[in-house]
Amino acid sequence: MSPIGRVFIVLNLFLAGGFAVMAGQLLNKQANYKQMLADETAAHEDDNKKHQQQIEDLKTERGNAENAKTSFETQLAAAQTTIGKLQDENKRLGALTSSQSADLKKAVSLQEAANTQAKAAFEQAQAAYQASIDAQKVRDDAVRSKDSAEAENRNLKNDIAGLNETISGKNEQIASLERDNSEKDLLLAAAKVRGFSEAMAAPNLAGTVTNSSGRLCTISISDNPGNIDIQDQINRRPFSFAIFDDKGYKAEAVATKYEPSANAVLCTIRVRNGGATIRTGDKASTQP
């Protein structure tokens, strides 16, 4: 073989080796790029899962906030209703006091007028008596005037007596009402000494906790033996539910509003037994 042929053979071998090295490097880089793409895809999927979980958590928090808002609005409406009733009662008592004050002022005015007229009648009688000494005719006129004045005086005294009887009757009515209230207070105090509590007067109701958030909870009524008007009972005197589960008593919740469409009572938790947690499914009853 000629020397030139040998040179070409050597050059071909070098070129072939160079191409082999370059091909190996390119294959290695391709494998690295594929791994990087797979890692980036997995990281992106993990980020998507985290973001989706955050969205679900925010939706749950929003639902809880809306429930709390509804409960607060319910409590506000109940408070406004109670304030309106108290204002109406205050107006009624104010009107009654004004009427009694007007009656007393009228009676005092009539008494003063009667005293004035009685004094005038007495003076007229004295004048008539004195005139009778001077002349018989004058005396007769004076006697008639005196009789007329005395008749008016008697009528005025009768009017005053009637007003006094009216005032006395009202005073007796007030005293009777005060005695009735005092007797009721004594009876209530005696009943409490013997073990009576206001919770014993609560309607017989039972149900299940369907929602609980903070100091608020909703109780779905399952038992209402007397078929009572629950909202009317709450308006008269809010009553309490004892909340419990299989392990025992957990809390006491005061009824604030009845929702007829759901047959449920909205409540405020007043007492917890050792910081117990109220959960959906807990039992509730107004009777211990």
Protein backbone atom coordinates (compact mmCIF):
# COMPACT_ATOMS: atom_id res chain seq x y z
CA MET A 1 0.00 0.00 0.00
CA SER A 2 1.25 3.45 -0.79
CA PRO A 3 2.08 5.96 1.98
CA ILE A 4 -0.79 8.24 0.93
CA GLY A 5 -3.24 5.36 1.26
CA ARG A 6 -1.93 4.64 4.71
CA VAL A 7 -2.39 8.34 5.71
CA PHE A 8 -6.03 8.28 4.57
CA ILE A 9 -6.65 5.10 6.55
CA VAL A 10 -5.25 6.71 9.71
CA LEU A 11 -7.29 9.88 9.13
CA ASN A 12 -10.45 7.77 8.65
CA LEU A 13 -9.77 5.99 11.95
CA PHE A 14 -9.37 9.34 13.82
CA LEU A 15 -12.51 10.75 12.27
CA ALA A 16 -14.49 7.61 13.10
CA GLY A 17 -13.29 7.75 16.73
CA GLY A 18 -14.20 11.46 16.95
CA PHE A 19 -17.70 10.81 15.64
CA ALA A 20 -18.16 7.96 18.14
CA VAL A 21 -17.14 10.21 21.07
CA MET A 22 -19.47 13.00 19.92
CA ALA A 23 -22.36 10.56 19.48
CA GLY A 24 -21.86 9.25 23.05
CA GLN A 25 -21.84 12.77 24.51
CA LEU A 26 -25.02 13.67 22.61
CA LEU A 27 -26.81 10.52 23.83
CA ASN A 28 -25.78 11.26 27.45
CA LYS A 29 -27.05 14.86 27.22
CA GLN A 30 -30.35 13.60 25.70
CA ALA A 31 -30.81 11.23 28.66
CA ASN A 32 -30.11 14.10 31.12
CA TYR A 33 -32.65 16.38 29.40
CA LYS A 34 -35.31 13.64 29.56
CA GLN A 35 -34.72 13.17 33.31
CA MET A 36 -34.87 16.93 33.91
CA LEU A 37 -38.17 17.11 31.98
CA ALA A 38 -39.62 14.23 34.04
CA ASP A 39 -38.52 15.87 37.31
CA GLU A 40 -39.97 19.23 36.28
CA THR A 41 -43.27 17.58 35.25
CA ALA A 42 -43.54 15.78 38.61
CA ALA A 43 -42.78 19.00 40.52
CA HIS A 44 -45.44 20.85 38.50
CA GLU A 45 -48.01 18.16 39.30
CA ASP A 46 -47.16 18.40 43.02
CA ASP A 47 -47.61 22.19 42.89
CA ASN A 48 -50.99 21.74 41.18
CA LYS A 49 -52.11 19.31 43.89
CA LYS A 50 -51.03 21.73 46.64
CA HIS A 51 -52.85 24.63 44.98
CA GLN A 52 -56.01 22.53 44.58
CA GLN A 53 -55.91 21.58 48.28
CA GLN A 54 -55.48 25.25 49.21
CA ILE A 55 -58.55 26.10 47.10
CA GLU A 56 -60.61 23.40 48.87
CA ASP A 57 -59.44 24.68 52.30
CA LEU A 58 -60.42 28.24 51.38
CA LYS A 59 -63.86 27.04 50.21
CA THR A 60 -64.37 25.26 53.54
CA GLU A 61 -63.33 28.37 55.50
CA ARG A 62 -65.72 30.46 53.41
CA GLY A 63 -68.61 28.08 54.16
CA ASN A 64 -67.87 28.27 57.90
CA ALA A 65 -67.73 32.06 57.73
CA GLU A 66 -71.10 32.20 55.94
CA ASN A 67 -72.67 29.92 58.57
CA ALA A 68 -71.28 32.09 61.35
CA LYS A 69 -72.61 35.20 59.60
CA THR A 70 -76.10 33.66 59.32
CA SER A 71 -76.07 32.73 63.00
CA PHE A 72 -74.94 36.22 64.04
CA GLU A 73 -77.67 37.77 61.89
CA THR A 74 -80.20 35.47 63.56
CA GLN A 75 -79.04 36.55 67.02
CA LEU A 76 -79.18 40.21 65.98
CA ALA A 77 -82.78 39.82 64.72
CA ALA A 78 -83.79 38.13 68.00
CA ALA A 79 -82.14 40.91 70.03
CA GLN A 80 -83.90 43.60 67.96
CA THR A 81 -87.27 41.86 68.50
CA THR A 82 -86.68 41.75 72.26
CA ILE A 83 -85.69 45.44 72.31
CA GLY A 84 -88.86 46.34 70.36
CA LYS A 85 -91.04 44.48 72.86
CA LEU A 86 -89.33 46.18 75.79
CA GLN A 87 -89.79 49.57 74.16
CA ASP A 88 -93.50 48.87 73.59
CA GLU A 89 -93.88 47.82 77.23
CA ASN A 90 -92.08 50.96 78.35
CA LYS A 91 -94.45 53.09 76.25
CA ARG A 92 -97.47 51.30 77.74
CA LEU A 93 -96.26 51.83 81.30
CA GLY A 94 -95.46 55.46 80.51
CA ALA A 95 -98.98 56.00 79.16
CA LEU A 96 -100.49 54.32 82.25
CA THR A 97 -98.40 56.51 84.56
CA SER A 98 -99.39 59.63 82.64
CA SER A 99 -103.09 58.66 82.88
CA GLN A 100 -102.88 58.09 86.64
CA SER A 101 -100.98 61.35 87.09
CA ALA A 102 -103.69 63.19 85.12
CA ASP A 103 -106.40 61.61 87.31
CA LEU A 104 -104.60 62.70 90.47
CA LYS A 105 -104.13 66.23 89.16
CA LYS A 106 -107.82 66.40 88.26
CA ALA A 107 -108.82 65.17 91.73
CA VAL A 108 -106.58 67.72 93.42
CA SER A 109 -107.98 70.47 91.20
CA LEU A 110 -111.56 69.47 92.04
CA GLN A 111 -110.72 69.35 95.74
CA GLU A 112 -109.23 72.84 95.62
CA ALA A 113 -112.25 74.11 93.69
CA ALA A 114 -114.58 72.47 96.22
CA ASN A 115 -112.71 74.06 99.12
CA THR A 116 -112.92 77.43 97.44
CA GLN A 117 -116.63 77.04 96.76
CA ALA A 118 -117.27 75.74 100.28
CA LYS A 119 -115.51 78.75 101.73
CA ALA A 120 -117.51 81.04 99.47
CA ALA A 121 -120.73 79.28 100.49
CA PHE A 122 -119.89 79.66 104.16
CA GLU A 123 -119.19 83.33 103.68
CA GLN A 124 -122.48 83.70 101.82
CA ALA A 125 -124.28 81.94 104.65
CA GLN A 126 -122.74 84.26 107.20
CA ALA A 127 -123.71 87.30 105.12
CA ALA A 128 -127.25 85.98 104.78
CA TYR A 129 -127.53 85.37 108.53
CA GLN A 130 -126.27 88.83 109.28
CA ALA A 131 -128.73 90.32 106.76
CA SER A 132 -131.62 88.44 108.38
CA ILE A 133 -131.20 90.52 111.51
CA ASP A 134 -131.85 93.71 109.56
CA ALA A 135 -134.87 92.62 107.54
CA GLN A 136 -137.06 89.56 107.11
CA LYS A 137 -137.09 89.82 103.35
CA VAL A 138 -133.36 90.08 103.18
CA ARG A 139 -133.14 87.12 105.57
CA ASP A 140 -135.38 85.00 103.36
CA ASP A 141 -133.33 85.78 100.29
CA ALA A 142 -130.18 84.97 102.21
CA VAL A 143 -131.63 81.65 103.38
CA ARG A 144 -132.50 80.67 99.83
CA SER A 145 -129.02 81.64 98.68
CA LYS A 146 -127.53 79.65 101.54
CA ASP A 147 -129.61 76.57 100.65
CA SER A 148 -128.54 76.80 97.04
CA ALA A 149 -124.90 77.13 98.04
CA GLU A 150 -125.18 74.17 100.40
CA ALA A 151 -126.76 72.09 97.65
CA GLU A 152 -123.89 72.95 95.35
CA ASN A 153 -121.49 72.19 98.16
CA ARG A 154 -123.10 68.78 98.69
CA ASN A 155 -122.87 68.01 94.98
CA LEU A 156 -119.23 69.00 94.95
CA LYS A 157 -118.56 66.87 98.02
CA ASN A 158 -120.29 63.94 96.35
CA ASP A 159 -118.12 64.44 93.25
CA ILE A 160 -115.02 64.60 95.41
CA ALA A 161 -116.08 61.48 97.31
CA GLY A 162 -116.58 59.66 94.01
CA LEU A 163 -113.15 60.69 92.79
CA ASN A 164 -111.63 59.68 96.11
CA GLU A 165 -113.30 56.27 95.79
CA THR A 166 -111.91 55.93 92.26
CA ILE A 167 -108.40 56.81 93.44
CA SER A 168 -108.79 54.48 96.42
CA GLY A 169 -109.90 51.69 94.07
CA LYS A 170 -106.86 52.20 91.87
CA ASN A 171 -104.59 52.24 94.90
CA GLU A 172 -106.16 48.98 96.04
CA GLN A 173 -105.62 47.49 92.57
CA ILE A 174 -101.96 48.53 92.63
CA ALA A 175 -101.56 47.12 96.15
CA SER A 176 -103.24 43.87 95.04
CA LEU A 177 -100.90 43.54 92.06
CA GLU A 178 -97.91 44.20 94.29
CA ARG A 179 -99.14 41.52 96.72
CA ASP A 180 -99.62 39.07 93.84
CA ASN A 181 -96.09 39.72 92.58
CA SER A 182 -94.70 39.36 96.09
CA GLU A 183 -96.57 36.07 96.57
CA LYS A 184 -95.30 34.77 93.23
CA ASP A 185 -91.72 35.72 94.18
CA LEU A 186 -92.13 33.90 97.52
CA LEU A 187 -93.58 30.82 95.80
CA LEU A 188 -90.74 30.80 93.26
CA ALA A 189 -88.13 31.19 96.00
CA ALA A 190 -89.76 28.36 98.00
CA ALA A 191 -89.87 26.15 94.91
CA LYS A 192 -86.19 26.80 94.20
CA VAL A 193 -85.32 25.86 97.80
CA ARG A 194 -87.10 22.52 97.20
CA GLY A 195 -85.07 21.82 94.08
CA PHE A 196 -87.07 23.57 91.36
CA SER A 197 -85.05 25.14 88.55
CA GLU A 198 -86.21 27.23 85.60
CA ALA A 199 -84.94 24.52 83.26
CA MET A 200 -87.71 22.25 84.62
CA ALA A 201 -90.29 24.52 82.98
CA ALA A 202 -88.72 24.07 79.54
CA PRO A 203 -90.78 22.32 76.82
CA ASN A 204 -90.08 18.63 76.26
CA LEU A 205 -87.90 18.58 73.12
CA ALA A 206 -85.11 16.36 71.79
CA GLY A 207 -82.96 16.31 68.69
CA THR A 208 -79.52 16.01 67.12
CA VAL A 209 -76.69 18.51 66.56
CA THR A 210 -76.39 19.15 62.81
CA ASN A 211 -73.87 21.99 62.86
CA SER A 212 -71.43 23.48 65.40
CA SER A 213 -69.07 26.42 65.06
CA GLY A 214 -67.43 28.15 68.02
CA ARG A 215 -70.14 29.09 70.54
CA LEU A 216 -72.95 28.44 68.03
CA CYS A 217 -74.73 25.24 67.10
CA THR A 218 -77.87 24.04 65.29
CA ILE A 219 -80.11 21.32 66.74
CA SER A 220 -82.52 19.45 64.44
CA ILE A 221 -85.70 18.62 66.40
CA SER A 222 -86.72 14.96 66.26
CA ASP A 223 -89.08 14.77 69.27
CA ASN A 224 -91.82 17.30 70.10
CA PRO A 225 -94.45 15.25 72.00
CA GLY A 226 -96.69 18.21 72.81
CA ASN A 227 -96.42 19.68 69.29
CA ILE A 228 -95.70 23.04 70.93
CA ASP A 229 -94.98 26.31 69.16
CA ILE A 230 -91.20 26.39 69.70
CA GLN A 231 -90.69 30.02 68.62
CA ASP A 232 -93.47 31.15 70.98
CA GLN A 233 -91.75 29.33 73.85
CA ILE A 234 -88.42 31.00 72.98
CA ASN A 235 -90.13 34.43 72.91
CA ARG A 236 -91.70 33.81 76.31
CA ARG A 237 -88.54 32.54 78.00
CA PRO A 238 -85.49 31.10 76.24
CA PHE A 239 -84.80 27.53 77.40
CA SER A 240 -81.73 25.27 77.29
CA PHE A 241 -80.71 21.99 75.67
CA ALA A 242 -78.36 19.51 77.35
CA ILE A 243 -75.91 18.20 74.71
CA PHE A 244 -74.38 14.74 75.20
CA ASP A 245 -73.04 11.66 73.45
CA ASP A 246 -72.50 8.02 74.41
CA LYS A 247 -69.79 9.06 76.88
CA GLY A 248 -71.97 11.55 78.77
CA TYR A 249 -72.88 15.24 79.20
CA LYS A 250 -70.88 17.72 77.10
CA ALA A 251 -72.49 21.18 77.19
CA GLU A 252 -75.56 23.38 77.68
CA ALA A 253 -76.93 25.44 74.76
CA VAL A 254 -79.54 28.24 75.05
CA ALA A 255 -82.21 28.35 72.30
CA THR A 256 -82.26 31.69 70.42
CA LYS A 257 -84.40 31.09 67.30
CA TYR A 258 -86.52 28.38 65.67
CA GLU A 259 -86.27 27.75 61.91
CA PRO A 260 -89.58 26.08 60.80
CA SER A 261 -88.39 25.15 57.29
CA ALA A 262 -85.62 22.98 58.75
CA ASN A 263 -87.43 22.14 62.01
CA ALA A 264 -84.24 23.24 63.76
CA VAL A 265 -83.30 25.48 66.68
CA LEU A 266 -80.34 27.87 66.58
CA CYS A 267 -78.51 27.89 69.93
CA THR A 268 -75.69 29.62 71.79
CA ILE A 269 -73.44 27.33 73.84
CA ARG A 270 -73.38 28.71 77.41
CA VAL A 271 -71.55 26.02 79.41
CA ARG A 272 -69.06 23.33 78.35
CA ASN A 273 -68.16 20.30 80.42
CA GLY A 274 -64.39 20.44 80.75
CA GLY A 275 -63.92 22.11 77.37
CA ALA A 276 -65.79 19.35 75.51
CA THR A 277 -66.05 19.69 71.71
CA ILE A 278 -69.55 19.75 70.21
CA ARG A 279 -69.75 17.58 67.11
CA THR A 280 -72.34 16.80 64.44
CA GLY A 281 -74.40 13.83 65.58
CA ASP A 282 -74.35 14.67 69.31
CA LYS A 283 -77.71 14.27 71.04
CA ALA A 284 -79.64 17.16 72.62
CA SER A 285 -82.59 17.28 75.04
CA THR A 286 -84.37 19.89 77.17
CA GLN A 287 -85.18 17.32 79.86
CA PRO A 288 -82.28 16.01 81.96
